[in-house]
C-alpha cells in the first residue's frame, strides 16, 4: 500500500493512508493527554500529590521534545518512513500497556517515557511521509497534511470538551463554604 501511494498508483490508496496517519496522530494526542483525565485516580492509587502527578506530563513533553528531532536525525536514511511510524506505534502501545500494569509511580513514569518516544517517532515522520507522498503539481499538499494532523487536533479537542464537562460536574453548589 505504501509503495502504491508513493508511486502515485491511483487514488484508491490515499483514503487508507490518510486514515492510518490520522489515527496514529489521534493515538499520540490521546496518549499525551490521557493522564489529565486520570489525575484523581493516579494520585489516589499511588498516594502522591497532584504536583507529583504533574511530572507525568512534564516527562512526556520533555522526552517528546528531545527525542523527535534526534530520532529523525538518527533514523533518516536508515529506516523507511512507514517503518518508523510502525515502530513508533509499537512503542506507543507498549508504553500504554506497561502503564496499565504499573504498580509504582516510577514504573508509570518510565512507561510514559516509552510512550513519548513512540509518539516522537510518529508525529514528525507522519508529516514527512505525507509531504513526500503528495506531488507538488496536485496543489493539495497542505490539505492532505491538514487531514493527517486532524487526528491530533481531534484528540486535543475531545480532551478540551471533556475537561469543560468535568469542571461543570465538579462545581460546588452555591453556599458551599469549602
Protein backbone atom coordinates (compact mmCIF):
# COMPACT_ATOMS: atom_id res chain seq x y z
CA UNK A 1 0.00 0.00 0.00
CA UNK A 2 2.83 2.41 0.86
CA UNK A 3 4.53 1.69 -2.44
CA UNK A 4 1.32 2.28 -4.40
CA UNK A 5 0.79 5.62 -2.68
CA UNK A 6 4.43 6.59 -3.16
CA UNK A 7 4.38 5.79 -6.86
CA UNK A 8 1.12 7.68 -7.40
CA UNK A 9 -0.61 4.45 -8.40
CA UNK A 10 -4.12 5.77 -8.17
CA UNK A 11 -6.24 7.44 -5.57
CA UNK A 12 -7.51 4.21 -4.02
CA UNK A 13 -4.55 4.14 -1.61
CA UNK A 14 -4.97 7.69 -0.34
CA UNK A 15 -8.02 7.25 1.90
CA UNK A 16 -6.43 4.30 3.68
CA UNK A 17 -3.15 6.16 4.12
CA UNK A 18 -4.80 9.32 5.42
CA UNK A 19 -6.94 7.38 7.87
CA UNK A 20 -3.92 5.43 9.11
CA UNK A 21 -1.81 8.54 9.64
CA UNK A 22 -4.69 10.49 11.16
CA UNK A 23 -5.47 7.62 13.52
CA UNK A 24 -1.83 7.38 14.56
CA UNK A 25 -1.79 11.12 15.30
CA UNK A 26 -5.01 10.69 17.29
CA UNK A 27 -3.27 7.97 19.33
CA UNK A 28 -0.32 10.29 20.04
CA UNK A 29 -2.58 13.15 21.08
CA UNK A 30 -4.75 10.97 23.29
CA UNK A 31 -1.73 9.35 24.91
CA UNK A 32 -0.19 12.72 25.69
CA UNK A 33 -3.35 13.97 27.41
CA UNK A 34 -4.82 10.84 28.99
CA UNK A 35 -3.19 11.40 32.38
CA UNK A 36 -5.02 14.70 32.79
CA UNK A 37 -8.34 12.89 32.92
CA UNK A 38 -6.94 10.23 35.23
CA UNK A 39 -5.30 12.62 37.69
CA UNK A 40 -7.53 11.79 40.65
CA UNK A 41 -7.18 8.05 40.14
CA UNK A 42 -3.39 8.31 39.76
CA UNK A 43 -2.93 10.40 42.91
CA UNK A 44 -5.16 8.07 44.90
CA UNK A 45 -3.66 4.81 43.63
CA UNK A 46 -0.02 5.80 44.02
CA UNK A 47 -0.53 8.02 47.11
CA UNK A 48 1.16 11.05 45.53
CA UNK A 49 0.32 14.73 45.36
CA UNK A 50 -1.19 16.41 42.32
CA UNK A 51 2.14 18.21 41.81
CA UNK A 52 3.99 14.91 41.66
CA UNK A 53 1.44 13.58 39.17
CA UNK A 54 2.24 16.61 37.01
CA UNK A 55 5.63 15.03 36.35
CA UNK A 56 3.83 12.57 34.08
CA UNK A 57 3.04 15.42 31.68
CA UNK A 58 6.45 17.06 32.11
CA UNK A 59 8.24 13.81 31.35
CA UNK A 60 6.10 13.07 28.30
CA UNK A 61 6.59 16.55 26.87
CA UNK A 62 10.34 16.57 27.57
CA UNK A 63 11.01 13.16 26.07
CA UNK A 64 8.88 14.02 23.05
CA UNK A 65 10.61 17.37 22.50
CA UNK A 66 14.12 15.90 22.78
CA UNK A 67 13.51 12.60 21.01
CA UNK A 68 11.55 13.87 17.99
CA UNK A 69 14.40 15.71 16.25
CA UNK A 70 17.13 13.36 17.45
CA UNK A 71 15.30 10.23 16.29
CA UNK A 72 14.58 11.78 12.90
CA UNK A 73 18.20 12.79 12.52
CA UNK A 74 19.46 9.36 13.56
CA UNK A 75 16.97 7.23 11.61
CA UNK A 76 16.82 9.30 8.41
CA UNK A 77 18.08 7.11 5.59
CA UNK A 78 18.39 4.03 7.79
CA UNK A 79 14.69 3.18 8.09
CA UNK A 80 11.83 3.96 5.75
CA UNK A 81 9.08 6.32 6.88
CA UNK A 82 6.48 3.53 7.23
CA UNK A 83 8.92 1.50 9.34
CA UNK A 84 9.49 4.46 11.66
CA UNK A 85 5.74 5.03 12.06
CA UNK A 86 5.17 1.34 12.76
CA UNK A 87 8.00 1.25 15.31
CA UNK A 88 6.53 4.35 16.94
CA UNK A 89 3.12 2.72 17.15
CA UNK A 90 4.64 -0.37 18.75
CA UNK A 91 6.49 1.74 21.32
CA UNK A 92 3.38 3.82 21.99
CA UNK A 93 1.26 0.70 22.50
CA UNK A 94 3.99 -0.88 24.62
CA UNK A 95 4.16 2.21 26.82
CA UNK A 96 0.40 2.23 27.27
CA UNK A 97 0.33 -1.47 28.07
CA UNK A 98 3.16 -1.04 30.58
CA UNK A 99 1.30 1.91 32.15
CA UNK A 100 -1.78 -0.25 32.59
CA UNK A 101 0.32 -2.75 34.56
CA UNK A 102 2.33 -0.18 36.54
CA UNK A 103 2.44 -0.96 40.23
CA UNK A 104 4.58 2.03 41.23
CA UNK A 105 4.79 5.67 40.25
CA UNK A 106 8.32 5.19 38.92
CA UNK A 107 7.09 2.41 36.65
CA UNK A 108 4.31 4.68 35.44
CA UNK A 109 6.84 7.45 34.74
CA UNK A 110 9.04 5.09 32.73
CA UNK A 111 6.06 3.83 30.73
CA UNK A 112 5.13 7.43 29.90
CA UNK A 113 8.69 7.99 28.67
CA UNK A 114 8.45 4.97 26.40
CA UNK A 115 5.10 6.13 25.03
CA UNK A 116 6.52 9.62 24.46
CA UNK A 117 9.41 8.18 22.50
CA UNK A 118 6.93 6.28 20.34
CA UNK A 119 4.96 9.46 19.78
CA UNK A 120 8.17 11.29 18.90
CA UNK A 121 8.73 8.77 16.13
CA UNK A 122 5.17 9.01 14.82
CA UNK A 123 4.38 12.74 14.69
CA UNK A 124 7.24 14.18 12.62
CA UNK A 125 7.53 11.08 10.47
CA UNK A 126 3.86 11.11 9.52
CA UNK A 127 4.19 14.76 8.50
CA UNK A 128 7.27 13.98 6.42
CA UNK A 129 5.55 10.94 4.92
CA UNK A 130 2.55 12.95 3.80
CA UNK A 131 4.75 15.67 2.34
CA UNK A 132 6.88 13.13 0.47
CA UNK A 133 3.89 11.26 -0.94
CA UNK A 134 1.89 14.17 -2.32
CA UNK A 135 3.21 15.50 -5.62
CA UNK A 136 3.74 19.25 -5.92
CA UNK A 137 1.63 19.52 -9.07
CA UNK A 138 -1.55 18.48 -7.29
CA UNK A 139 -1.62 21.60 -5.17
CA UNK A 140 -3.15 19.59 -2.34
CA UNK A 141 -0.11 19.01 -0.16
CA UNK A 142 -1.36 21.40 2.52
CA UNK A 143 -4.86 19.92 2.55
CA UNK A 144 -3.58 16.38 2.91
CA UNK A 145 -1.11 17.42 5.60
CA UNK A 146 -4.00 19.06 7.44
CA UNK A 147 -6.03 15.85 7.24
CA UNK A 148 -3.12 13.93 8.74
CA UNK A 149 -2.86 16.43 11.59
CA UNK A 150 -6.63 16.38 12.10
CA UNK A 151 -6.24 13.28 14.25
CA UNK A 152 -4.01 15.17 16.69
CA UNK A 153 -6.34 18.15 16.67
CA UNK A 154 -9.40 15.97 17.27
CA UNK A 155 -7.82 14.20 20.24
CA UNK A 156 -6.98 17.53 21.87
CA UNK A 157 -10.41 18.95 21.09
CA UNK A 158 -12.10 15.90 22.65
CA UNK A 159 -9.97 16.38 25.76
CA UNK A 160 -10.89 20.07 25.97
CA UNK A 161 -14.60 19.28 25.72
CA UNK A 162 -14.26 16.58 28.34
CA UNK A 163 -12.32 18.92 30.59
CA UNK A 164 -15.05 21.57 30.40
CA UNK A 165 -17.64 18.93 31.22
CA UNK A 166 -15.51 17.73 34.13
CA UNK A 167 -15.36 21.25 35.52
CA UNK A 168 -19.13 21.58 35.33
CA UNK A 169 -19.65 18.26 37.09
CA UNK A 170 -17.33 19.14 39.98
CA UNK A 171 -18.59 22.67 40.73
CA UNK A 172 -19.68 23.16 44.28
CA UNK A 173 -23.25 24.17 44.88
CA UNK A 174 -23.97 27.79 45.82
CA UNK A 175 -23.47 28.41 49.51
CA UNK A 176 -20.81 25.69 49.86
CA UNK A 177 -18.14 27.13 52.21
CA UNK A 178 -15.07 24.99 51.50
